C-alpha atoms as a PDB file:
ATOM      1  CA  MET A   1      49.861  17.852  44.953  1.00  0.00           C
ATOM      2  CA  SER A   2      53.148  17.130  46.682  1.00  0.00           C
ATOM      3  CA  THR A   3      55.543  14.428  45.400  1.00  0.00           C
ATOM      4  CA  GLY A   4      57.696  12.098  47.372  1.00  0.00           C
ATOM      5  CA  GLN A   5      60.838  14.033  46.105  1.00  0.00           C
ATOM      6  CA  ASP A   6      59.367  17.376  47.570  1.00  0.00           C
ATOM      7  CA  LYS A   7      58.808  15.559  51.022  1.00  0.00           C
ATOM      8  CA  LYS A   8      62.526  14.204  50.887  1.00  0.00           C
ATOM      9  CA  SER A   9      63.813  17.761  50.075  1.00  0.00           C
ATOM     10  CA  SER A  10      61.789  19.240  52.927  1.00  0.00           C
ATOM     11  CA  ALA A  11      62.984  16.592  55.366  1.00  0.00           C
ATOM     12  CA  SER A  12      66.693  17.320  54.173  1.00  0.00           C
ATOM     13  CA  THR A  13      66.203  21.095  54.630  1.00  0.00           C
ATOM     14  CA  ILE A  14      65.023  20.504  58.108  1.00  0.00           C
ATOM     15  CA  LYS A  15      67.830  18.175  59.020  1.00  0.00           C
ATOM     16  CA  SER A  16      70.355  20.625  57.657  1.00  0.00           C
ATOM     17  CA  LYS A  17      68.900  23.382  59.780  1.00  0.00           C
ATOM     18  CA  GLU A  18      68.975  21.184  62.829  1.00  0.00           C
ATOM     19  CA  LYS A  19      72.597  20.297  62.162  1.00  0.00           C
ATOM     20  CA  ARG A  20      73.576  24.028  61.721  1.00  0.00           C
ATOM     21  CA  GLN A  21      71.689  24.949  64.911  1.00  0.00           C
ATOM     22  CA  ALA A  22      73.366  22.130  66.902  1.00  0.00           C
ATOM     23  CA  ARG A  23      76.741  23.240  65.529  1.00  0.00           C
ATOM     24  CA  LYS A  24      76.128  26.840  66.582  1.00  0.00           C
ATOM     25  CA  LEU A  25      75.027  25.743  70.042  1.00  0.00           C
ATOM     26  CA  GLU A  26      78.224  23.595  70.412  1.00  0.00           C
ATOM     27  CA  GLN A  27      80.444  26.534  69.134  1.00  0.00           C
ATOM     28  CA  ARG A  28      78.609  28.775  71.704  1.00  0.00           C
ATOM     29  CA  ARG A  29      79.195  26.285  74.537  1.00  0.00           C
ATOM     30  CA  ILE A  30      82.911  25.989  73.674  1.00  0.00           C
ATOM     31  CA  ALA A  31      83.298  29.765  73.358  1.00  0.00           C
ATOM     32  CA  ASP A  32      81.628  30.192  76.875  1.00  0.00           C
ATOM     33  CA  GLY A  33      83.991  27.600  78.300  1.00  0.00           C
ATOM     34  CA  MET A  34      87.048  29.381  76.855  1.00  0.00           C
ATOM     35  CA  SER A  35      85.687  32.614  78.250  1.00  0.00           C
ATOM     36  CA  ASN A  36      85.547  31.058  81.747  1.00  0.00           C
ATOM     37  CA  VAL A  37      89.123  29.681  81.322  1.00  0.00           C
ATOM     38  CA  THR A  38      90.332  33.005  80.179  1.00  0.00           C
ATOM     39  CA  SER A  39      88.701  34.786  83.094  1.00  0.00           C
ATOM     40  CA  ALA A  40      90.211  32.240  85.549  1.00  0.00           C
ATOM     41  CA  ASN A  41      93.657  32.656  83.930  1.00  0.00           C
ATOM     42  CA  LYS A  42      93.393  36.533  84.459  1.00  0.00           C
ATOM     43  CA  LEU A  43      92.977  36.076  88.262  1.00  0.00           C
ATOM     44  CA  THR A  44      96.016  37.353  90.176  1.00  0.00           C
ATOM     45  CA  ASP A  45      95.330  36.364  93.693  1.00  0.00           C
ATOM     46  CA  LEU A  46      93.550  33.085  94.221  1.00  0.00           C
ATOM     47  CA  ALA A  47      94.415  33.071  97.875  1.00  0.00           C
ATOM     48  CA  ALA A  48      92.003  35.992  98.452  1.00  0.00           C
ATOM     49  CA  LEU A  49      89.160  33.575  97.478  1.00  0.00           C
ATOM     50  CA  CYS A  50      90.026  31.069 100.187  1.00  0.00           C
ATOM     51  CA  ARG A  51      92.385  32.778 102.755  1.00  0.00           C
ATOM     52  CA  GLU A  52      90.690  31.009 105.704  1.00  0.00           C
ATOM     53  CA  LEU A  53      91.438  27.632 104.289  1.00  0.00           C
ATOM     54  CA  LEU A  54      95.207  28.250 103.899  1.00  0.00           C
ATOM     55  CA  VAL A  55      96.027  27.356 107.572  1.00  0.00           C
ATOM     56  CA  TYR A  56      95.724  23.905 108.954  1.00  0.00           C
ATOM     57  CA  ARG A  57      95.971  23.329 112.706  1.00  0.00           C
ATOM     58  CA  ASN A  58      95.647  20.389 115.080  1.00  0.00           C
ATOM     59  CA  LYS A  59      97.145  19.633 118.450  1.00  0.00           C
ATOM     60  CA  ASP A  60     100.469  18.461 116.877  1.00  0.00           C
ATOM     61  CA  MET A  61     101.172  20.780 113.952  1.00  0.00           C
ATOM     62  CA  GLU A  62     100.348  24.136 112.222  1.00  0.00           C
ATOM     63  CA  VAL A  63     100.654  24.180 108.389  1.00  0.00           C
ATOM     64  CA  ASP A  64     100.535  27.303 106.455  1.00  0.00           C
ATOM     65  CA  MET A  65      99.738  27.366 102.811  1.00  0.00           C
ATOM     66  CA  TYR A  66     100.037  29.795  99.994  1.00  0.00           C
ATOM     67  CA  ILE A  67      99.070  29.919  96.370  1.00  0.00           C
ATOM     68  CA  GLN A  68     101.242  31.503  93.637  1.00  0.00           C
ATOM     69  CA  ARG A  69     101.399  31.421  89.852  1.00  0.00           C
ATOM     70  CA  VAL A  70     104.586  29.720  88.726  1.00  0.00           C
ATOM     71  CA  THR A  71     105.906  32.936  87.203  1.00  0.00           C
ATOM     72  CA  GLU A  72     106.028  34.366  90.816  1.00  0.00           C
ATOM     73  CA  LEU A  73     107.104  31.147  92.609  1.00  0.00           C
ATOM     74  CA  ASP A  74     110.584  31.283  94.207  1.00  0.00           C
ATOM     75  CA  LYS A  75     112.993  29.174  92.025  1.00  0.00           C
ATOM     76  CA  ASN A  76     114.199  27.102  94.921  1.00  0.00           C
ATOM     77  CA  VAL A  77     110.503  26.113  95.723  1.00  0.00           C
ATOM     78  CA  LEU A  78     109.916  25.263  92.023  1.00  0.00           C
ATOM     79  CA  GLU A  79     113.126  23.105  91.811  1.00  0.00           C
ATOM     80  CA  TRP A  80     112.017  21.289  95.062  1.00  0.00           C
ATOM     81  CA  ALA A  81     108.473  20.719  93.528  1.00  0.00           C
ATOM     82  CA  ILE A  82     110.021  19.242  90.249  1.00  0.00           C
ATOM     83  CA  ASN A  83     112.368  16.985  92.266  1.00  0.00           C
ATOM     84  CA  LEU A  84     109.645  15.831  94.534  1.00  0.00           C
ATOM     85  CA  THR A  85     107.489  15.059  91.573  1.00  0.00           C
ATOM     86  CA  GLU A  86     110.228  12.834  90.002  1.00  0.00           C
ATOM     87  CA  ARG A  87     110.886  11.074  93.311  1.00  0.00           C
ATOM     88  CA  ASN A  88     107.137  10.480  93.969  1.00  0.00           C
ATOM     89  CA  MET A  89     105.843   9.963  90.481  1.00  0.00           C
ATOM     90  CA  ARG A  90     108.493   8.570  88.131  1.00  0.00           C
ATOM     91  CA  LYS A  91     107.927   4.848  88.796  1.00  0.00           C
ATOM     92  CA  LEU A  92     104.168   5.370  88.394  1.00  0.00           C
ATOM     93  CA  TYR A  93     104.602   7.158  85.134  1.00  0.00           C
ATOM     94  CA  GLU A  94     106.984   4.519  83.828  1.00  0.00           C
ATOM     95  CA  THR A  95     104.229   1.844  84.344  1.00  0.00           C
ATOM     96  CA  CYS A  96     101.746   3.632  82.076  1.00  0.00           C
ATOM     97  CA  ALA A  97     101.565   4.423  78.353  1.00  0.00           C
ATOM     98  CA  TRP A  98     102.807   8.063  78.865  1.00  0.00           C
ATOM     99  CA  GLY A  99     106.040   6.872  80.247  1.00  0.00           C
ATOM    100  CA  TRP A 100     108.332   9.280  82.170  1.00  0.00           C
ATOM    101  CA  ASN A 101     109.663  12.202  80.200  1.00  0.00           C
ATOM    102  CA  PRO A 102     111.309  14.693  82.473  1.00  0.00           C
ATOM    103  CA  GLU A 103     111.609  17.525  79.895  1.00  0.00           C
ATOM    104  CA  ARG A 104     107.860  17.279  79.217  1.00  0.00           C
ATOM    105  CA  LYS A 105     107.013  17.169  82.938  1.00  0.00           C
ATOM    106  CA  VAL A 106     109.207  20.257  83.612  1.00  0.00           C
ATOM    107  CA  GLU A 107     107.534  22.023  80.639  1.00  0.00           C
ATOM    108  CA  GLU A 108     104.091  21.200  82.113  1.00  0.00           C
ATOM    109  CA  MET A 109     105.113  22.293  85.570  1.00  0.00           C
ATOM    110  CA  THR A 110     106.491  25.558  84.366  1.00  0.00           C
ATOM    111  CA  ASP A 111     103.921  26.635  81.921  1.00  0.00           C
ATOM    112  CA  ASP A 112     102.971  30.200  82.426  1.00  0.00           C
ATOM    113  CA  SER A 113      99.328  29.257  83.326  1.00  0.00           C
ATOM    114  CA  ALA A 114     100.349  26.974  86.215  1.00  0.00           C
ATOM    115  CA  TRP A 115      99.565  27.685  89.777  1.00  0.00           C
ATOM    116  CA  TYR A 116     101.020  26.116  92.946  1.00  0.00           C
ATOM    117  CA  LEU A 117      99.447  25.465  96.329  1.00  0.00           C
ATOM    118  CA  ILE A 118     102.441  25.124  98.726  1.00  0.00           C
ATOM    119  CA  ALA A 119     102.222  23.801 102.242  1.00  0.00           C
ATOM    120  CA  LYS A 120     104.990  24.521 104.765  1.00  0.00           C
ATOM    121  CA  GLN A 121     105.593  24.363 108.518  1.00  0.00           C
ATOM    122  CA  ASN A 122     107.855  27.283 109.568  1.00  0.00           C
ATOM    123  CA  ASP A 123     110.280  27.369 106.714  1.00  0.00           C
ATOM    124  CA  LYS A 124     110.196  23.506 105.860  1.00  0.00           C
ATOM    125  CA  LEU A 125     108.410  22.735 102.610  1.00  0.00           C
ATOM    126  CA  LEU A 126     105.881  19.858 103.144  1.00  0.00           C
ATOM    127  CA  ALA A 127     103.782  19.429 100.086  1.00  0.00           C
ATOM    128  CA  PHE A 128     102.480  21.046  96.985  1.00  0.00           C
ATOM    129  CA  SER A 129      99.736  20.800  94.318  1.00  0.00           C
ATOM    130  CA  HIS A 130     100.076  22.042  90.831  1.00  0.00           C
ATOM    131  CA  PHE A 131      97.078  23.181  88.949  1.00  0.00           C
ATOM    132  CA  ARG A 132      95.898  25.171  85.889  1.00  0.00           C
ATOM    133  CA  PHE A 133      92.673  26.192  84.220  1.00  0.00           C
ATOM    134  CA  ASP A 134      92.386  24.895  80.681  1.00  0.00           C
ATOM    135  CA  MET A 135      90.213  23.410  78.023  1.00  0.00           C
ATOM    136  CA  ASP A 136      90.060  19.715  77.248  1.00  0.00           C
ATOM    137  CA  PHE A 137      87.871  18.180  74.500  1.00  0.00           C
ATOM    138  CA  GLY A 138      85.885  21.337  74.285  1.00  0.00           C
ATOM    139  CA  GLU A 139      85.218  21.445  78.068  1.00  0.00           C
ATOM    140  CA  PRO A 140      86.599  23.891  80.675  1.00  0.00           C
ATOM    141  CA  VAL A 141      88.611  21.902  83.190  1.00  0.00           C
ATOM    142  CA  LEU A 142      90.858  22.415  86.121  1.00  0.00           C
ATOM    143  CA  TYR A 143      93.885  20.100  85.990  1.00  0.00           C
ATOM    144  CA  TRP A 144      94.944  19.591  89.438  1.00  0.00           C
END
């Protein structure tokens, strides 16, 4: 004959097993995400994955683009990107809770995992996008 205490103990054991299983699944999900981010960060030539998209042409202009990791980016191009970011974004940052912190922004823009998509026409720099592969709240993300 089973007592109420036995039923509670059995239910408690089942809940503990379910929690352990859920924790293991979450750890596996995070490990898989980290593995994907690590693989993405090991890539050396992102342009090879999208070369046909790195030229824009219309009747008025032709824009060439290239992708480089920050560690390979020409120092003048990096300086241009940092200055452009401050000119275009400083006021916006100053209106939000983050505020504008030039040292932190430069640190973010020069992190070894950062990549740059640079658009130029002839030798004139036109635009850039800074991006990196990372984890955020246990999820693999692409910060662009």
